[in-house]
C-alpha cells in the first residue's frame, strides 16, 4: 500500500508540474512547482522506508534452508 501511495504522489507531482507550465500567473506557477517537488520528495521517502532490501544490503535477511527440503519432492 505505501508503494501505491508513492506512485500516486508521483502522479500528482507530474500533474502539478504540467499545470505550472500552462499557468499564466507566475506566483501560482512557482507554487505548483514547489508542490510537485515536495510530492516527489515524499514519494521517495515512502519508497525508501518500505523498499525491499537488496542482497548487498547488510540489513537484508539471510535465507536458510533445511537439508530435508529437497527430500520432500
PDB file of N, CA and C in Angstrom:
ATOM      1  N   UNK A   1       0.806  -1.205   0.000  1.00  0.00           N
ATOM      2  CA  UNK A   1       0.000   0.000   0.000  1.00  0.00           C
ATOM      3  C   UNK A   1       0.849   1.270   0.000  1.00  0.00           C
ATOM      4  N   UNK A   2       1.893   1.358   0.836  1.00  0.00           N
ATOM      5  CA  UNK A   2       2.707   2.576   0.810  1.00  0.00           C
ATOM      6  C   UNK A   2       3.365   2.828  -0.537  1.00  0.00           C
ATOM      7  N   UNK A   3       3.738   1.751  -1.248  1.00  0.00           N
ATOM      8  CA  UNK A   3       4.340   1.963  -2.559  1.00  0.00           C
ATOM      9  C   UNK A   3       3.309   2.456  -3.565  1.00  0.00           C
ATOM     10  N   UNK A   4       2.054   2.047  -3.404  1.00  0.00           N
ATOM     11  CA  UNK A   4       0.983   2.583  -4.251  1.00  0.00           C
ATOM     12  C   UNK A   4       0.775   4.054  -3.943  1.00  0.00           C
ATOM     13  N   UNK A   5       0.898   4.411  -2.685  1.00  0.00           N
ATOM     14  CA  UNK A   5       0.794   5.817  -2.295  1.00  0.00           C
ATOM     15  C   UNK A   5       1.924   6.629  -2.920  1.00  0.00           C
ATOM     16  N   UNK A   6       3.124   6.079  -2.930  1.00  0.00           N
ATOM     17  CA  UNK A   6       4.262   6.770  -3.548  1.00  0.00           C
ATOM     18  C   UNK A   6       4.007   6.989  -5.038  1.00  0.00           C
ATOM     19  N   UNK A   7       3.452   5.982  -5.683  1.00  0.00           N
ATOM     20  CA  UNK A   7       3.135   6.109  -7.113  1.00  0.00           C
ATOM     21  C   UNK A   7       2.089   7.206  -7.336  1.00  0.00           C
ATOM     22  N   UNK A   8       1.089   7.253  -6.482  1.00  0.00           N
ATOM     23  CA  UNK A   8       0.054   8.278  -6.589  1.00  0.00           C
ATOM     24  C   UNK A   8       0.641   9.676  -6.357  1.00  0.00           C
ATOM     25  N   UNK A   9       1.530   9.808  -5.383  1.00  0.00           N
ATOM     26  CA  UNK A   9       2.169  11.102  -5.131  1.00  0.00           C
ATOM     27  C   UNK A   9       2.983  11.555  -6.343  1.00  0.00           C
ATOM     28  N   UNK A  10       3.659  10.622  -6.992  1.00  0.00           N
ATOM     29  CA  UNK A  10       4.408  10.965  -8.210  1.00  0.00           C
ATOM     30  C   UNK A  10       3.464  11.406  -9.330  1.00  0.00           C
ATOM     31  N   UNK A  11       2.315  10.750  -9.410  1.00  0.00           N
ATOM     32  CA  UNK A  11       1.311  11.135 -10.410  1.00  0.00           C
ATOM     33  C   UNK A  11       0.832  12.574 -10.158  1.00  0.00           C
ATOM     34  N   UNK A  12       0.538  12.880  -8.906  1.00  0.00           N
ATOM     35  CA  UNK A  12       0.117  14.239  -8.568  1.00  0.00           C
ATOM     36  C   UNK A  12       1.221  15.258  -8.852  1.00  0.00           C
ATOM     37  N   UNK A  13       2.457  14.878  -8.573  1.00  0.00           N
ATOM     38  CA  UNK A  13       3.587  15.771  -8.843  1.00  0.00           C
ATOM     39  C   UNK A  13       3.693  16.079 -10.331  1.00  0.00           C
ATOM     40  N   UNK A  14       3.479  15.065 -11.152  1.00  0.00           N
ATOM     41  CA  UNK A  14       3.519  15.266 -12.602  1.00  0.00           C
ATOM     42  C   UNK A  14       2.414  16.211 -13.050  1.00  0.00           C
ATOM     43  N   UNK A  15       1.227  16.033 -12.494  1.00  0.00           N
ATOM     44  CA  UNK A  15       0.105  16.915 -12.832  1.00  0.00           C
ATOM     45  C   UNK A  15       0.398  18.359 -12.434  1.00  0.00           C
ATOM     46  N   UNK A  16       0.949  18.550 -11.238  1.00  0.00           N
ATOM     47  CA  UNK A  16       1.282  19.905 -10.782  1.00  0.00           C
ATOM     48  C   UNK A  16       2.339  20.538 -11.680  1.00  0.00           C
ATOM     49  N   UNK A  17       3.313  19.748 -12.070  1.00  0.00           N
ATOM     50  CA  UNK A  17       4.374  20.246 -12.937  1.00  0.00           C
ATOM     51  C   UNK A  17       3.820  20.675 -14.296  1.00  0.00           C
ATOM     52  N   UNK A  18       2.941  19.859 -14.847  1.00  0.00           N
ATOM     53  CA  UNK A  18       2.319  20.219 -16.134  1.00  0.00           C
ATOM     54  C   UNK A  18       1.469  21.474 -16.007  1.00  0.00           C
ATOM     55  N   UNK A  19       0.708  21.558 -14.929  1.00  0.00           N
ATOM     56  CA  UNK A  19      -0.141  22.740 -14.730  1.00  0.00           C
ATOM     57  C   UNK A  19       0.712  23.989 -14.555  1.00  0.00           C
ATOM     58  N   UNK A  20       1.876  23.860 -13.931  1.00  0.00           N
ATOM     59  CA  UNK A  20       2.738  25.027 -13.738  1.00  0.00           C
ATOM     60  C   UNK A  20       3.225  25.581 -15.071  1.00  0.00           C
ATOM     61  N   UNK A  21       3.440  24.702 -16.045  1.00  0.00           N
ATOM     62  CA  UNK A  21       3.878  25.164 -17.369  1.00  0.00           C
ATOM     63  C   UNK A  21       2.752  25.866 -18.124  1.00  0.00           C
ATOM     64  N   UNK A  22       1.508  25.460 -17.862  1.00  0.00           N
ATOM     65  CA  UNK A  22       0.365  26.042 -18.553  1.00  0.00           C
ATOM     66  C   UNK A  22      -0.192  27.274 -17.854  1.00  0.00           C
ATOM     67  N   UNK A  23       0.238  27.508 -16.631  1.00  0.00           N
ATOM     68  CA  UNK A  23      -0.305  28.603 -15.830  1.00  0.00           C
ATOM     69  C   UNK A  23       0.301  29.943 -16.255  1.00  0.00           C
ATOM     70  N   UNK A  24      -0.560  30.960 -16.385  1.00  0.00           N
ATOM     71  CA  UNK A  24      -0.104  32.291 -16.781  1.00  0.00           C
ATOM     72  C   UNK A  24       0.333  33.149 -15.597  1.00  0.00           C
ATOM     73  N   UNK A  25      -0.101  32.781 -14.412  1.00  0.00           N
ATOM     74  CA  UNK A  25       0.251  33.547 -13.216  1.00  0.00           C
ATOM     75  C   UNK A  25       1.592  33.030 -12.680  1.00  0.00           C
ATOM     76  N   UNK A  26       2.627  33.875 -12.631  1.00  0.00           N
ATOM     77  CA  UNK A  26       3.941  33.394 -12.207  1.00  0.00           C
ATOM     78  C   UNK A  26       3.987  32.919 -10.752  1.00  0.00           C
ATOM     79  N   UNK A  27       3.212  33.521  -9.864  1.00  0.00           N
ATOM     80  CA  UNK A  27       3.209  33.113  -8.463  1.00  0.00           C
ATOM     81  C   UNK A  27       2.595  31.722  -8.326  1.00  0.00           C
ATOM     82  N   UNK A  28       1.470  31.524  -8.978  1.00  0.00           N
ATOM     83  CA  UNK A  28       0.808  30.217  -8.937  1.00  0.00           C
ATOM     84  C   UNK A  28       1.674  29.150  -9.590  1.00  0.00           C
ATOM     85  N   UNK A  29       2.293  29.501 -10.704  1.00  0.00           N
ATOM     86  CA  UNK A  29       3.167  28.565 -11.398  1.00  0.00           C
ATOM     87  C   UNK A  29       4.317  28.124 -10.500  1.00  0.00           C
ATOM     88  N   UNK A  30       4.921  29.061  -9.806  1.00  0.00           N
ATOM     89  CA  UNK A  30       6.031  28.737  -8.911  1.00  0.00           C
ATOM     90  C   UNK A  30       5.563  27.847  -7.753  1.00  0.00           C
ATOM     91  N   UNK A  31       4.395  28.146  -7.205  1.00  0.00           N
ATOM     92  CA  UNK A  31       3.854  27.328  -6.113  1.00  0.00           C
ATOM     93  C   UNK A  31       3.572  25.899  -6.572  1.00  0.00           C
ATOM     94  N   UNK A  32       3.074  25.744  -7.781  1.00  0.00           N
ATOM     95  CA  UNK A  32       2.822  24.406  -8.314  1.00  0.00           C
ATOM     96  C   UNK A  32       4.120  23.615  -8.461  1.00  0.00           C
ATOM     97  N   UNK A  33       5.183  24.290  -8.866  1.00  0.00           N
ATOM     98  CA  UNK A  33       6.485  23.630  -8.971  1.00  0.00           C
ATOM     99  C   UNK A  33       6.962  23.192  -7.591  1.00  0.00           C
ATOM    100  N   UNK A  34       6.807  24.081  -6.613  1.00  0.00           N
ATOM    101  CA  UNK A  34       7.212  23.752  -5.246  1.00  0.00           C
ATOM    102  C   UNK A  34       6.423  22.553  -4.723  1.00  0.00           C
ATOM    103  N   UNK A  35       5.129  22.542  -4.971  1.00  0.00           N
ATOM    104  CA  UNK A  35       4.285  21.421  -4.539  1.00  0.00           C
ATOM    105  C   UNK A  35       4.729  20.132  -5.219  1.00  0.00           C
ATOM    106  N   UNK A  36       5.032  20.189  -6.506  1.00  0.00           N
ATOM    107  CA  UNK A  36       5.445  18.975  -7.211  1.00  0.00           C
ATOM    108  C   UNK A  36       6.753  18.430  -6.655  1.00  0.00           C
ATOM    109  N   UNK A  37       7.679  19.308  -6.308  1.00  0.00           N
ATOM    110  CA  UNK A  37       8.948  18.870  -5.718  1.00  0.00           C
ATOM    111  C   UNK A  37       8.702  18.216  -4.360  1.00  0.00           C
ATOM    112  N   UNK A  38       7.833  18.820  -3.550  1.00  0.00           N
ATOM    113  CA  UNK A  38       7.518  18.246  -2.236  1.00  0.00           C
ATOM    114  C   UNK A  38       6.856  16.874  -2.365  1.00  0.00           C
ATOM    115  N   UNK A  39       5.989  16.717  -3.351  1.00  0.00           N
ATOM    116  CA  UNK A  39       5.322  15.434  -3.565  1.00  0.00           C
ATOM    117  C   UNK A  39       6.323  14.347  -3.968  1.00  0.00           C
ATOM    118  N   UNK A  40       7.270  14.700  -4.832  1.00  0.00           N
ATOM    119  CA  UNK A  40       8.286  13.734  -5.244  1.00  0.00           C
ATOM    120  C   UNK A  40       9.167  13.354  -4.057  1.00  0.00           C
ATOM    121  N   UNK A  41       9.524  14.324  -3.239  1.00  0.00           N
ATOM    122  CA  UNK A  41      10.337  14.031  -2.059  1.00  0.00           C
ATOM    123  C   UNK A  41       9.602  13.100  -1.093  1.00  0.00           C
ATOM    124  N   UNK A  42       8.320  13.326  -0.913  1.00  0.00           N
ATOM    125  CA  UNK A  42       7.531  12.468  -0.032  1.00  0.00           C
ATOM    126  C   UNK A  42       7.434  11.057  -0.623  1.00  0.00           C
ATOM    127  N   UNK A  43       7.266  10.961  -1.943  1.00  0.00           N
ATOM    128  CA  UNK A  43       7.211   9.654  -2.599  1.00  0.00           C
ATOM    129  C   UNK A  43       8.533   8.912  -2.411  1.00  0.00           C
ATOM    130  N   UNK A  44       9.645   9.610  -2.544  1.00  0.00           N
ATOM    131  CA  UNK A  44      10.949   8.989  -2.346  1.00  0.00           C
ATOM    132  C   UNK A  44      11.117   8.506  -0.909  1.00  0.00           C
ATOM    133  N   UNK A  45      10.615   9.273   0.032  1.00  0.00           N
ATOM    134  CA  UNK A  45      10.711   8.878   1.438  1.00  0.00           C
ATOM    135  C   UNK A  45       9.908   7.599   1.696  1.00  0.00           C
ATOM    136  N   UNK A  46       8.702   7.519   1.122  1.00  0.00           N
ATOM    137  CA  UNK A  46       7.905   6.302   1.267  1.00  0.00           C
ATOM    138  C   UNK A  46       8.620   5.110   0.646  1.00  0.00           C
ATOM    139  N   UNK A  47       9.164   5.298  -0.561  1.00  0.00           N
ATOM    140  CA  UNK A  47       9.846   4.199  -1.240  1.00  0.00           C
ATOM    141  C   UNK A  47      11.076   3.740  -0.461  1.00  0.00           C
ATOM    142  N   UNK A  48      11.801   4.671   0.099  1.00  0.00           N
ATOM    143  CA  UNK A  48      12.990   4.312   0.877  1.00  0.00           C
ATOM    144  C   UNK A  48      12.610   3.580   2.158  1.00  0.00           C
ATOM    145  N   UNK A  49      11.531   4.010   2.788  1.00  0.00           N
ATOM    146  CA  UNK A  49      11.118   3.398   4.048  1.00  0.00           C
ATOM    147  C   UNK A  49      10.577   1.989   3.859  1.00  0.00           C
ATOM    148  N   UNK A  50       9.887   1.760   2.754  1.00  0.00           N
ATOM    149  CA  UNK A  50       9.233   0.476   2.541  1.00  0.00           C
ATOM    150  C   UNK A  50       9.881  -0.365   1.452  1.00  0.00           C
ATOM    151  N   UNK A  51      11.100  -0.031   1.062  1.00  0.00           N
ATOM    152  CA  UNK A  51      11.774  -0.770  -0.006  1.00  0.00           C
ATOM    153  C   UNK A  51      12.199  -2.148   0.492  1.00  0.00           C
ATOM    154  N   UNK A  52      12.234  -3.083  -0.434  1.00  0.00           N
ATOM    155  CA  UNK A  52      12.729  -4.423  -0.120  1.00  0.00           C
ATOM    156  C   UNK A  52      14.247  -4.341  -0.122  1.00  0.00           C
ATOM    157  N   UNK A  53      14.899  -4.812   0.939  1.00  0.00           N
ATOM    158  CA  UNK A  53      16.361  -4.713   0.993  1.00  0.00           C
ATOM    159  C   UNK A  53      17.023  -5.548  -0.101  1.00  0.00           C
ATOM    160  N   UNK A  54      18.104  -5.024  -0.645  1.00  0.00           N
ATOM    161  CA  UNK A  54      18.853  -5.732  -1.678  1.00  0.00           C
ATOM    162  C   UNK A  54      19.786  -6.745  -1.032  1.00  0.00           C
ATOM    163  N   UNK A  55      20.270  -7.678  -1.815  1.00  0.00           N
ATOM    164  CA  UNK A  55      21.138  -8.725  -1.297  1.00  0.00           C
ATOM    165  C   UNK A  55      22.442  -8.159  -0.736  1.00  0.00           C
ATOM    166  N   UNK A  56      22.932  -7.063  -1.318  1.00  0.00           N
ATOM    167  CA  UNK A  56      24.179  -6.482  -0.823  1.00  0.00           C
ATOM    168  C   UNK A  56      23.956  -5.565   0.381  1.00  0.00           C
ATOM    169  N   UNK A  57      22.721  -5.422   0.795  1.00  0.00           N
ATOM    170  CA  UNK A  57      22.398  -4.596   1.962  1.00  0.00           C
ATOM    171  C   UNK A  57      22.681  -5.406   3.222  1.00  0.00           C
ATOM    172  N   UNK A  58      23.389  -4.815   4.162  1.00  0.00           N
ATOM    173  CA  UNK A  58      23.726  -5.532   5.391  1.00  0.00           C
ATOM    174  C   UNK A  58      22.490  -5.825   6.236  1.00  0.00           C
ATOM    175  N   UNK A  59      21.386  -5.108   5.995  1.00  0.00           N
ATOM    176  CA  UNK A  59      20.151  -5.340   6.736  1.00  0.00           C
ATOM    177  C   UNK A  59      19.298  -6.429   6.109  1.00  0.00           C
ATOM    178  N   UNK A  60      19.702  -6.939   4.963  1.00  0.00           N
ATOM    179  CA  UNK A  60      18.912  -7.956   4.265  1.00  0.00           C
ATOM    180  C   UNK A  60      18.869  -9.243   5.079  1.00  0.00           C
ATOM    181  N   UNK A  61      17.741  -9.878   5.044  1.00  0.00           N
ATOM    182  CA  UNK A  61      17.572 -11.125   5.784  1.00  0.00           C
ATOM    183  C   UNK A  61      18.257 -12.260   5.033  1.00  0.00           C
ATOM    184  N   UNK A  62      18.902 -13.137   5.785  1.00  0.00           N
ATOM    185  CA  UNK A  62      19.515 -14.311   5.182  1.00  0.00           C
ATOM    186  C   UNK A  62      18.452 -15.376   4.969  1.00  0.00           C
ATOM    187  N   UNK A  63      18.547 -16.071   3.851  1.00  0.00           N
ATOM    188  CA  UNK A  63      17.616 -17.155   3.552  1.00  0.00           C
ATOM    189  C   UNK A  63      18.300 -18.456   3.932  1.00  0.00           C
ATOM    190  N   UNK A  64      17.628 -19.216   4.750  1.00  0.00           N
ATOM    191  CA  UNK A  64      18.193 -20.503   5.166  1.00  0.00           C
ATOM    192  C   UNK A  64      17.273 -21.616   4.717  1.00  0.00           C
ATOM    193  N   UNK A  65      17.873 -22.734   4.396  1.00  0.00           N
ATOM    194  CA  UNK A  65      17.088 -23.912   4.018  1.00  0.00           C
ATOM    195  C   UNK A  65      17.517 -25.072   4.905  1.00  0.00           C
ATOM    196  N   UNK A  66      16.616 -26.011   5.030  1.00  0.00           N
ATOM    197  CA  UNK A  66      16.939 -27.222   5.776  1.00  0.00           C
ATOM    198  C   UNK A  66      17.375 -28.288   4.790  1.00  0.00           C
ATOM    199  N   UNK A  67      18.186 -29.202   5.260  1.00  0.00           N
ATOM    200  CA  UNK A  67      18.699 -30.254   4.394  1.00  0.00           C
ATOM    201  C   UNK A  67      17.585 -31.136   3.850  1.00  0.00           C
ATOM    202  N   UNK A  68      16.525 -31.320   4.618  1.00  0.00           N
ATOM    203  CA  UNK A  68      15.464 -32.227   4.183  1.00  0.00           C
ATOM    204  C   UNK A  68      14.452 -31.555   3.261  1.00  0.00           C
ATOM    205  N   UNK A  69      14.653 -30.276   2.900  1.00  0.00           N
ATOM    206  CA  UNK A  69      13.713 -29.605   1.995  1.00  0.00           C
ATOM    207  C   UNK A  69      13.670 -30.270   0.638  1.00  0.00           C
ATOM    208  N   UNK A  70      14.828 -30.713   0.126  1.00  0.00           N
ATOM    209  CA  UNK A  70      14.877 -31.348  -1.185  1.00  0.00           C
ATOM    210  C   UNK A  70      14.338 -32.774  -1.152  1.00  0.00           C
ATOM    211  N   UNK A  71      14.352 -33.391   0.003  1.00  0.00           N
ATOM    212  CA  UNK A  71      13.908 -34.779   0.120  1.00  0.00           C
ATOM    213  C   UNK A  71      12.394 -34.925  -0.048  1.00  0.00           C
ATOM    214  N   UNK A  72      11.633 -33.876   0.157  1.00  0.00           N
ATOM    215  CA  UNK A  72      10.171 -33.946   0.125  1.00  0.00           C
ATOM    216  C   UNK A  72       9.615 -33.946  -1.289  1.00  0.00           C
ATOM    217  N   UNK A  73      10.431 -33.697  -2.269  1.00  0.00           N
ATOM    218  CA  UNK A  73       9.946 -33.605  -3.660  1.00  0.00           C
ATOM    219  C   UNK A  73       9.674 -34.939  -4.265  1.00  0.00           C
TER     220      UNK A  73
END
